[in-house]
Amino acid sequence: MSQPSTATDWRGKSGTKQLQSAVNASVYQKEWFQQLKRRVAAGEPCAIVGADAPQELLRAMDIPFVVNQWWASVVSSRQKAPYYLGLMNERGYRNDLCAYCSLAFASTLDPDPAQAPWGGLPKISLGIPELGCDSQMKIFGLWNKEHGVPIYPFERTVLVDPSPLNWWDKNRYDWEELYRPYRLDLMVEELKGLIAFLEMTTGRTLSETKLKHIMDLVNEQEEYSKQTRDLIAETMPAPITIVDSIPSVMIPQWHRGTEWAVNAAKTFYAEVKEKVEHGEVVCANEKIRLMWIGTGLWFNTSFYQHFQDKYGAVFAWSFYLALAADGYARYGDDPIRTLAARYTNLTEGLNIPPWNAAWYVNEAKRNKISAAVHLAPSGNCADRGSYFVKKALEDAGIPVFEIGSDNVDSRKWNNEEMTKQFSEFIETRVL
């Protein structure tokens, strides 16, 4: 695994977006965040939640919320992570904490919060850590200790019987059989406990009718995501790169269950379809189609486009669009149990062997992938199952370049060295 040496004076760059849907989504997100801050300033509660917590419940209860890892990506993209994480280090916390999970908290330690990106976080009044990441409970405990934020740790059961492997073909409709009734029963009770916590903490109540409508909107949104994923997969050369697909899909994902998110997903699909119909491509000399496995390299998304001109190497795939296509849609009459089916396994397709390895291989074949880059920081929850993912892909004839760096902490990244190492990988193992 490549372990780049530190280059502390270096600053990353953002990739160049080509899709209007990506630009529009980014503009909308900033406007939404300012509106959220106005709501909180007027006295409404605000939750900070893990990326894999059931956000649909908060939306159905009209509780404003910020996703912990999303805010970390904003901070990192503005090159503020080294400073904020340094504040944690000054307090005696380790350098090897999960930066993705701790960066939002670290940003609240700044004695000059007005310097934060977008004016900083609103006042947080409750938190929902998702315990799929071992560090989250401790980090959210710091929210409680430093800011008095009550927390509800959200748990899920462990995958015991990973059969069948092709979960992505079964989970839309056959989820009762796929995930086993006993796991779903436990998740229903977990959701009920969370609902009670939210009602007691905020004074707001859940309408199952509203939740059912939100679930229907999510399904509609993800069907567009599936069409977009499939269209990109079957089109060579690639019509777009992940510099465009990540914001075009992920910002709507943070708003899933809204009309805006459905329209954004529809617009994204229409824009990609138009490019395909007009023969517009990212790299006419495309020779290598790459997949990026792992979270976004938020402080340096220009890395994704660096290798196009020299090698014809295009990053066409990331799990963000693929998981939106395969991981979220659930059809059922009971909104609570259907939501339980979504969250019983949401992270298993990404992180738990053999389901994640089987899915990555299937996606690599679907997308005609030449090679994969796996961002798997050592000791971080992101490296779970990395051995099995690499083995499965390489057994399928797809070489894997592993990066043992952090996705938000640029202190642990040496751009010159990583560019050199990946270039050597392309030249020796792919071309």
Protein backbone atom coordinates (compact mmCIF):
# COMPACT_ATOMS: atom_id res chain seq x y z
CA MET A 1 0.00 0.00 0.00
CA SER A 2 1.33 3.42 -0.95
CA GLN A 3 2.08 5.62 2.09
CA PRO A 4 2.96 9.11 0.84
CA SER A 5 5.27 11.26 2.91
CA THR A 6 3.94 14.53 4.25
CA ALA A 7 4.12 17.78 2.28
CA THR A 8 2.83 20.40 4.69
CA ASP A 9 3.18 23.46 2.41
CA TRP A 10 1.11 21.98 -0.39
CA ARG A 11 -2.52 22.95 -1.13
CA GLY A 12 -4.88 20.84 -3.17
CA LYS A 13 -7.06 21.95 -6.05
CA SER A 14 -10.62 21.24 -7.07
CA GLY A 15 -11.34 19.39 -10.28
CA THR A 16 -12.97 21.23 -13.17
CA LYS A 17 -16.70 20.54 -13.45
CA GLN A 18 -18.28 20.28 -16.89
CA LEU A 19 -21.90 19.45 -16.06
CA GLN A 20 -24.34 22.21 -15.26
CA SER A 21 -26.12 19.80 -12.92
CA ALA A 22 -22.95 19.55 -10.82
CA VAL A 23 -22.59 23.33 -10.68
CA ASN A 24 -26.27 23.83 -9.88
CA ALA A 25 -26.18 21.24 -7.10
CA SER A 26 -23.20 22.94 -5.48
CA VAL A 27 -24.92 26.34 -5.63
CA TYR A 28 -28.12 24.89 -4.17
CA GLN A 29 -26.25 23.24 -1.31
CA LYS A 30 -24.70 26.50 -0.20
CA GLU A 31 -28.06 28.30 -0.37
CA TRP A 32 -29.72 25.46 1.56
CA PHE A 33 -27.06 25.62 4.26
CA GLN A 34 -27.58 29.33 4.81
CA GLN A 35 -31.33 28.77 5.05
CA LEU A 36 -30.76 25.97 7.56
CA LYS A 37 -28.61 28.29 9.67
CA ARG A 38 -31.37 30.91 9.66
CA ARG A 39 -33.87 28.30 10.87
CA VAL A 40 -31.58 27.26 13.70
CA ALA A 41 -30.83 30.87 14.63
CA ALA A 42 -34.60 31.38 14.92
CA GLY A 43 -34.77 28.63 17.54
CA GLU A 44 -35.24 25.34 15.70
CA PRO A 45 -33.25 22.25 16.73
CA CYS A 46 -30.46 20.95 14.52
CA ALA A 47 -28.97 17.46 14.46
CA ILE A 48 -25.56 16.32 13.33
CA VAL A 49 -25.82 12.80 11.96
CA GLY A 50 -23.59 10.09 10.58
CA ALA A 51 -23.73 9.59 6.82
CA ASP A 52 -25.42 6.20 7.21
CA ALA A 53 -27.95 7.21 9.85
CA PRO A 54 -31.65 7.16 8.80
CA GLN A 55 -31.98 10.75 7.67
CA GLU A 56 -35.44 10.04 6.26
CA LEU A 57 -36.86 10.08 9.80
CA LEU A 58 -35.51 13.57 10.47
CA ARG A 59 -36.85 14.78 7.14
CA ALA A 60 -40.28 13.34 7.90
CA MET A 61 -40.24 15.10 11.29
CA ASP A 62 -38.97 18.36 9.73
CA ILE A 63 -35.85 18.39 11.92
CA PRO A 64 -32.96 20.32 10.33
CA PHE A 65 -29.76 18.28 10.16
CA VAL A 66 -26.18 18.39 8.94
CA VAL A 67 -24.35 15.25 7.84
CA ASN A 68 -21.11 14.88 9.77
CA GLN A 69 -19.01 13.60 6.86
CA TRP A 70 -20.49 16.10 4.39
CA TRP A 71 -19.33 18.98 6.56
CA ALA A 72 -15.90 17.34 6.79
CA SER A 73 -15.75 17.33 2.98
CA VAL A 74 -16.61 21.04 2.87
CA VAL A 75 -13.92 21.87 5.43
CA SER A 76 -11.35 19.73 3.62
CA SER A 77 -12.12 21.18 0.19
CA ARG A 78 -11.51 24.66 1.65
CA GLN A 79 -8.08 23.46 2.87
CA LYS A 80 -9.02 24.03 6.53
CA ALA A 81 -8.58 20.45 7.77
CA PRO A 82 -4.91 20.80 8.83
CA TYR A 83 -5.74 23.78 11.02
CA TYR A 84 -8.82 22.25 12.66
CA LEU A 85 -7.25 18.85 13.21
CA GLY A 86 -4.25 20.65 14.64
CA LEU A 87 -6.56 22.16 17.26
CA MET A 88 -7.53 18.65 18.31
CA ASN A 89 -3.89 17.60 18.44
CA GLU A 90 -3.13 20.58 20.68
CA ARG A 91 -5.73 19.22 23.09
CA GLY A 92 -3.88 15.93 23.26
CA TYR A 93 -5.87 13.87 20.75
CA ARG A 94 -3.97 11.48 18.49
CA ASN A 95 -2.83 12.30 14.96
CA ASP A 96 -4.34 9.06 13.67
CA LEU A 97 -7.94 9.71 14.66
CA CYS A 98 -10.50 9.10 11.91
CA ALA A 99 -10.34 12.58 10.43
CA TYR A 100 -13.48 12.08 8.34
CA CYS A 101 -15.56 11.47 11.46
CA SER A 102 -13.82 13.98 13.75
CA LEU A 103 -13.26 16.99 11.48
CA ALA A 104 -16.71 18.53 11.99
CA PHE A 105 -16.20 18.43 15.76
CA ALA A 106 -12.68 19.79 15.36
CA SER A 107 -14.07 22.78 13.46
CA THR A 108 -16.08 23.78 16.55
CA LEU A 109 -12.88 24.24 18.59
CA ASP A 110 -11.77 27.30 16.62
CA PRO A 111 -11.62 30.39 18.85
CA ASP A 112 -12.55 32.42 15.74
CA PRO A 113 -15.54 30.50 14.30
CA ALA A 114 -16.35 33.28 11.84
CA GLN A 115 -13.37 32.11 9.75
CA ALA A 116 -14.99 28.72 9.12
CA PRO A 117 -16.20 27.76 5.63
CA TRP A 118 -19.65 29.18 4.91
CA GLY A 119 -19.65 30.88 8.31
CA GLY A 120 -19.38 27.62 10.24
CA LEU A 121 -21.86 25.13 11.62
CA PRO A 122 -25.12 26.20 13.23
CA LYS A 123 -25.72 25.41 16.90
CA ILE A 124 -26.02 21.64 17.20
CA SER A 125 -28.66 20.35 19.63
CA LEU A 126 -28.60 16.57 19.07
CA GLY A 127 -26.41 13.94 17.42
CA ILE A 128 -26.86 10.54 15.81
CA PRO A 129 -23.59 8.64 15.42
CA GLU A 130 -23.73 5.56 13.19
CA LEU A 131 -21.71 2.83 14.85
CA GLY A 132 -20.49 1.21 11.64
CA CYS A 133 -17.39 3.34 12.24
CA ASP A 134 -15.65 2.38 15.46
CA SER A 135 -14.58 5.95 16.19
CA GLN A 136 -17.95 7.65 15.94
CA MET A 137 -19.21 6.87 19.43
CA LYS A 138 -16.09 8.38 21.01
CA ILE A 139 -16.17 11.40 18.72
CA PHE A 140 -19.86 12.07 19.32
CA GLY A 141 -19.11 11.66 23.00
CA LEU A 142 -16.92 14.73 22.59
CA TRP A 143 -19.90 16.62 21.14
CA ASN A 144 -21.72 15.72 24.34
CA LYS A 145 -18.79 16.61 26.60
CA GLU A 146 -17.85 19.92 24.94
CA HIS A 147 -21.24 21.18 23.77
CA GLY A 148 -23.81 19.27 25.86
CA VAL A 149 -25.26 17.59 22.76
CA PRO A 150 -27.47 14.55 23.58
CA ILE A 151 -26.73 11.59 21.30
CA TYR A 152 -28.48 8.46 20.10
CA PRO A 153 -26.02 5.79 18.91
CA PHE A 154 -27.55 4.09 15.86
CA GLU A 155 -26.67 0.41 15.55
CA ARG A 156 -27.27 -2.36 13.05
CA THR A 157 -26.84 -6.12 13.14
CA VAL A 158 -23.89 -8.01 11.69
CA LEU A 159 -24.07 -9.85 8.39
CA VAL A 160 -23.86 -13.56 9.27
CA ASP A 161 -25.07 -15.36 6.15
CA PRO A 162 -23.91 -13.44 3.04
CA SER A 163 -25.98 -15.33 0.51
CA PRO A 164 -26.79 -14.71 -2.21
CA LEU A 165 -23.80 -12.62 -3.22
CA ASN A 166 -25.73 -10.64 -5.85
CA TRP A 167 -27.57 -8.58 -3.23
CA TRP A 168 -27.92 -5.69 -5.68
CA ASP A 169 -30.36 -7.75 -7.76
CA LYS A 170 -32.52 -8.65 -4.75
CA ASN A 171 -32.73 -5.68 -2.42
CA ARG A 172 -35.35 -3.56 -4.17
CA TYR A 173 -38.21 -6.04 -3.75
CA ASP A 174 -36.95 -9.27 -2.15
CA TRP A 175 -35.39 -7.66 0.92
CA GLU A 176 -37.38 -9.65 3.47
CA GLU A 177 -35.75 -12.87 2.30
CA LEU A 178 -32.37 -11.28 1.56
CA TYR A 179 -31.84 -9.63 4.96
CA ARG A 180 -33.70 -12.21 7.07
CA PRO A 181 -36.78 -11.36 9.17
CA TYR A 182 -34.91 -11.41 12.49
CA ARG A 183 -32.48 -8.70 11.31
CA LEU A 184 -35.34 -6.58 10.03
CA ASP A 185 -37.25 -7.05 13.29
CA LEU A 186 -34.27 -5.75 15.24
CA MET A 187 -33.82 -2.78 12.91
CA VAL A 188 -37.51 -1.88 13.24
CA GLU A 189 -37.04 -1.71 17.01
CA GLU A 190 -33.87 0.36 16.56
CA LEU A 191 -35.80 2.83 14.39
CA LYS A 192 -38.62 3.01 16.93
CA GLY A 193 -36.08 3.83 19.63
CA LEU A 194 -34.62 6.59 17.47
CA ILE A 195 -38.08 7.99 16.74
CA ALA A 196 -38.81 8.14 20.48
CA PHE A 197 -35.48 9.91 21.08
CA LEU A 198 -36.22 12.47 18.36
CA GLU A 199 -39.73 13.11 19.65
CA MET A 200 -38.54 13.57 23.25
CA THR A 201 -35.57 15.73 22.25
CA THR A 202 -37.30 18.02 19.75
CA GLY A 203 -40.99 17.85 20.65
CA ARG A 204 -41.81 16.91 17.06
CA THR A 205 -43.75 13.83 15.97
CA LEU A 206 -43.48 11.39 13.10
CA SER A 207 -46.17 11.03 10.46
CA GLU A 208 -45.91 7.62 8.79
CA THR A 209 -47.91 9.00 5.87
CA LYS A 210 -45.25 11.65 5.32
CA LEU A 211 -42.50 9.05 5.75
CA LYS A 212 -44.14 6.85 3.10
CA HIS A 213 -44.19 9.81 0.68
CA ILE A 214 -40.51 10.47 1.39
CA MET A 215 -39.69 6.81 0.76
CA ASP A 216 -41.53 6.98 -2.58
CA LEU A 217 -39.54 10.06 -3.57
CA VAL A 218 -36.27 8.35 -2.66
CA ASN A 219 -37.19 5.39 -4.87
CA GLU A 220 -37.99 7.71 -7.77
CA GLN A 221 -34.70 9.54 -7.30
CA GLU A 222 -32.64 6.35 -7.20
CA GLU A 223 -34.24 4.95 -10.34
CA TYR A 224 -32.79 7.98 -12.13
CA SER A 225 -29.45 7.26 -10.45
CA LYS A 226 -29.60 3.71 -11.78
CA GLN A 227 -30.31 4.92 -15.32
CA THR A 228 -27.39 7.34 -15.13
CA ARG A 229 -25.01 4.70 -13.75
CA ASP A 230 -26.02 2.24 -16.47
CA LEU A 231 -25.69 4.85 -19.22
CA ILE A 232 -22.16 5.81 -18.18
CA ALA A 233 -21.21 2.15 -17.85
CA GLU A 234 -22.23 1.29 -21.40
CA THR A 235 -20.74 4.39 -23.05
CA MET A 236 -17.12 4.44 -24.20
CA PRO A 237 -15.30 6.79 -24.19
CA ALA A 238 -16.80 8.07 -20.93
CA PRO A 239 -19.17 11.05 -21.23
CA ILE A 240 -18.20 12.40 -17.78
CA THR A 241 -15.76 11.75 -14.93
CA ILE A 242 -16.34 11.43 -11.22
CA VAL A 243 -15.46 15.11 -10.81
CA ASP A 244 -18.97 15.73 -12.16
CA SER A 245 -20.78 12.60 -11.05
CA ILE A 246 -19.89 12.92 -7.35
CA PRO A 247 -21.49 16.35 -6.71
CA SER A 248 -24.30 15.62 -9.16
CA VAL A 249 -25.34 12.54 -7.20
CA MET A 250 -24.15 13.17 -3.64
CA ILE A 251 -25.71 16.56 -3.02
CA PRO A 252 -29.13 15.19 -4.04
CA GLN A 253 -28.41 12.17 -1.84
CA TRP A 254 -28.14 14.46 1.19
CA HIS A 255 -31.58 15.78 0.22
CA ARG A 256 -33.13 12.45 -0.68
CA GLY A 257 -36.84 12.33 -0.09
CA THR A 258 -37.44 15.82 -1.49
CA GLU A 259 -38.88 16.99 -4.79
CA TRP A 260 -35.69 18.98 -5.39
CA ALA A 261 -33.58 15.83 -5.12
CA VAL A 262 -35.79 13.94 -7.58
CA ASN A 263 -35.57 16.79 -10.08
CA ALA A 264 -31.81 17.06 -9.59
CA ALA A 265 -31.36 13.33 -10.27
CA LYS A 266 -33.60 13.60 -13.32
CA THR A 267 -31.63 16.60 -14.63
CA PHE A 268 -28.33 14.80 -14.07
CA TYR A 269 -29.55 11.82 -16.10
CA ALA A 270 -30.89 14.06 -18.87
CA GLU A 271 -27.61 15.96 -19.13
CA VAL A 272 -25.53 12.78 -19.33
CA LYS A 273 -27.96 11.32 -21.88
CA GLU A 274 -27.64 14.44 -24.03
CA LYS A 275 -23.86 14.17 -23.96
CA VAL A 276 -24.05 10.53 -25.02
CA GLU A 277 -26.48 11.29 -27.84
CA HIS A 278 -24.23 14.09 -29.12
CA GLY A 279 -21.08 11.99 -28.84
CA GLU A 280 -19.48 14.31 -26.28
CA VAL A 281 -16.69 12.64 -24.33
CA VAL A 282 -14.23 13.58 -21.61
CA CYS A 283 -11.16 12.13 -23.29
CA ALA A 284 -11.31 11.18 -26.96
CA ASN A 285 -8.08 9.24 -26.49
CA GLU A 286 -9.46 7.17 -23.61
CA LYS A 287 -7.34 4.05 -23.14
CA ILE A 288 -7.82 3.28 -19.47
CA ARG A 289 -11.07 3.36 -17.52
CA LEU A 290 -10.53 3.71 -13.78
CA MET A 291 -12.66 3.16 -10.70
CA TRP A 292 -12.11 5.06 -7.46
CA ILE A 293 -13.00 2.88 -4.47
CA GLY A 294 -13.43 4.75 -1.22
CA THR A 295 -14.51 8.17 -0.09
CA GLY A 296 -13.72 11.29 -2.09
CA LEU A 297 -10.29 12.90 -2.00
CA TRP A 298 -11.97 16.10 -0.94
CA PHE A 299 -8.91 18.33 -0.61
CA ASN A 300 -7.62 17.49 -4.12
CA THR A 301 -10.30 16.38 -6.57
CA SER A 302 -8.08 17.58 -9.43
CA PHE A 303 -6.15 14.33 -8.92
CA TYR A 304 -8.99 12.56 -10.72
CA GLN A 305 -8.32 14.49 -13.94
CA HIS A 306 -4.53 14.61 -13.82
CA PHE A 307 -3.87 11.44 -15.83
CA GLN A 308 -6.23 11.97 -18.76
CA ASP A 309 -3.94 13.81 -21.19
CA LYS A 310 -0.78 11.76 -20.64
CA TYR A 311 -2.27 8.27 -20.34
CA GLY A 312 -5.86 8.53 -21.57
CA ALA A 313 -6.81 7.39 -18.06
CA VAL A 314 -10.31 8.43 -17.02
CA PHE A 315 -11.87 8.04 -13.58
CA ALA A 316 -15.33 7.00 -14.73
CA TRP A 317 -16.60 5.21 -11.60
CA SER A 318 -17.02 6.00 -7.91
CA PHE A 319 -19.19 4.24 -5.39
CA TYR A 320 -21.30 7.36 -4.82
CA LEU A 321 -23.34 6.99 -8.00
CA ALA A 322 -23.19 3.19 -7.96
CA LEU A 323 -24.45 2.95 -4.38
CA ALA A 324 -27.23 5.43 -5.14
CA ALA A 325 -28.19 3.13 -8.01
CA ASP A 326 -28.01 -0.14 -6.06
CA GLY A 327 -28.11 0.59 -2.35
CA TYR A 328 -31.13 2.75 -1.48
CA ALA A 329 -34.30 1.90 -3.38
CA ARG A 330 -36.72 -0.27 -1.39
CA TYR A 331 -40.32 -1.04 -2.27
CA GLY A 332 -42.86 -1.99 0.41
CA ASP A 333 -46.15 -0.93 2.01
CA ASP A 334 -44.95 -0.52 5.61
CA PRO A 335 -42.68 2.56 5.66
CA ILE A 336 -40.93 1.68 8.93
CA ARG A 337 -40.10 -1.88 7.91
CA THR A 338 -39.13 -0.75 4.42
CA LEU A 339 -36.82 1.85 5.95
CA ALA A 340 -35.41 -0.92 8.14
CA ALA A 341 -34.63 -2.86 4.97
CA ARG A 342 -32.61 0.10 3.70
CA TYR A 343 -30.54 0.54 6.84
CA THR A 344 -30.06 -3.09 7.83
CA ASN A 345 -27.38 -3.45 5.17
CA LEU A 346 -26.63 0.00 3.78
CA THR A 347 -22.93 -0.23 4.59
CA GLU A 348 -22.49 -3.96 3.98
CA GLY A 349 -22.32 -3.60 0.23
CA LEU A 350 -19.42 -1.16 0.68
CA ASN A 351 -17.52 -2.51 3.66
CA ILE A 352 -18.29 -6.13 4.53
CA PRO A 353 -16.77 -9.08 2.65
CA PRO A 354 -17.84 -10.93 0.65
CA TRP A 355 -20.76 -8.66 -0.31
CA ASN A 356 -18.57 -5.64 -0.98
CA ALA A 357 -15.96 -7.57 -2.96
CA ALA A 358 -18.63 -9.22 -5.12
CA TRP A 359 -20.27 -5.87 -5.82
CA TYR A 360 -17.03 -4.11 -6.74
CA VAL A 361 -16.13 -6.89 -9.16
CA ASN A 362 -19.59 -6.75 -10.70
CA GLU A 363 -19.36 -2.97 -11.05
CA ALA A 364 -15.88 -3.23 -12.55
CA LYS A 365 -17.14 -5.64 -15.19
CA ARG A 366 -20.29 -3.61 -15.86
CA ASN A 367 -18.22 -0.46 -16.36
CA LYS A 368 -15.41 -2.12 -18.36
CA ILE A 369 -12.85 -1.02 -15.77
CA SER A 370 -9.15 -1.35 -16.58
CA ALA A 371 -7.79 -0.70 -13.07
CA ALA A 372 -8.91 0.43 -9.63
CA VAL A 373 -7.63 2.89 -7.06
CA HIS A 374 -8.57 2.02 -3.48
CA LEU A 375 -8.28 4.78 -0.89
CA ALA A 376 -7.95 2.80 2.34
CA PRO A 377 -6.31 4.67 5.22
CA SER A 378 -4.61 2.20 7.54
CA GLY A 379 -6.34 1.91 10.91
CA ASN A 380 -9.37 3.81 9.61
CA CYS A 381 -12.80 2.23 9.19
CA ALA A 382 -12.40 2.88 5.46
CA ASP A 383 -9.87 0.04 5.17
CA ARG A 384 -12.27 -2.64 6.38
CA GLY A 385 -12.22 -5.55 3.97
CA SER A 386 -9.60 -3.90 1.77
CA TYR A 387 -7.58 -7.13 1.49
CA PHE A 388 -10.60 -9.04 0.19
CA VAL A 389 -11.60 -6.26 -2.20
CA LYS A 390 -8.12 -6.12 -3.70
CA LYS A 391 -7.88 -9.90 -3.97
CA ALA A 392 -11.29 -10.23 -5.63
CA LEU A 393 -10.55 -7.51 -8.18
CA GLU A 394 -7.07 -8.78 -9.01
CA ASP A 395 -8.38 -12.35 -9.29
CA ALA A 396 -10.82 -10.91 -11.85
CA GLY A 397 -7.89 -9.41 -13.79
CA ILE A 398 -8.24 -5.84 -12.53
CA PRO A 399 -5.04 -4.40 -11.00
CA VAL A 400 -5.49 -2.35 -7.82
CA PHE A 401 -3.48 0.64 -6.61
CA GLU A 402 -3.97 1.13 -2.88
CA ILE A 403 -3.48 4.51 -1.20
CA GLY A 404 -2.94 4.51 2.55
CA SER A 405 -3.73 8.19 2.94
CA ASP A 406 -6.58 10.15 4.48
CA ASN A 407 -9.40 11.56 2.38
CA VAL A 408 -9.76 14.86 4.26
CA ASP A 409 -6.43 15.43 6.03
CA SER A 410 -4.01 16.86 3.48
CA ARG A 411 -1.18 16.74 6.02
CA LYS A 412 -0.87 13.06 5.15
CA TRP A 413 -0.67 13.58 1.38
CA ASN A 414 2.33 14.22 -0.86
CA ASN A 415 0.92 15.07 -4.26
CA GLU A 416 4.19 14.84 -6.17
CA GLU A 417 4.98 11.42 -4.71
CA MET A 418 1.46 10.06 -5.22
CA THR A 419 1.37 11.29 -8.81
CA LYS A 420 4.71 9.58 -9.44
CA GLN A 421 3.65 6.31 -7.82
CA PHE A 422 0.35 6.14 -9.66
CA SER A 423 2.02 6.97 -12.97
CA GLU A 424 4.43 4.09 -12.40
CA PHE A 425 1.47 1.83 -11.61
CA ILE A 426 -0.22 2.77 -14.89
CA GLU A 427 2.96 2.23 -16.88
CA THR A 428 3.92 -1.10 -15.29
CA ARG A 429 0.58 -2.76 -14.55
CA VAL A 430 -2.08 -1.28 -16.81
CA LEU A 431 -0.67 -0.20 -20.18
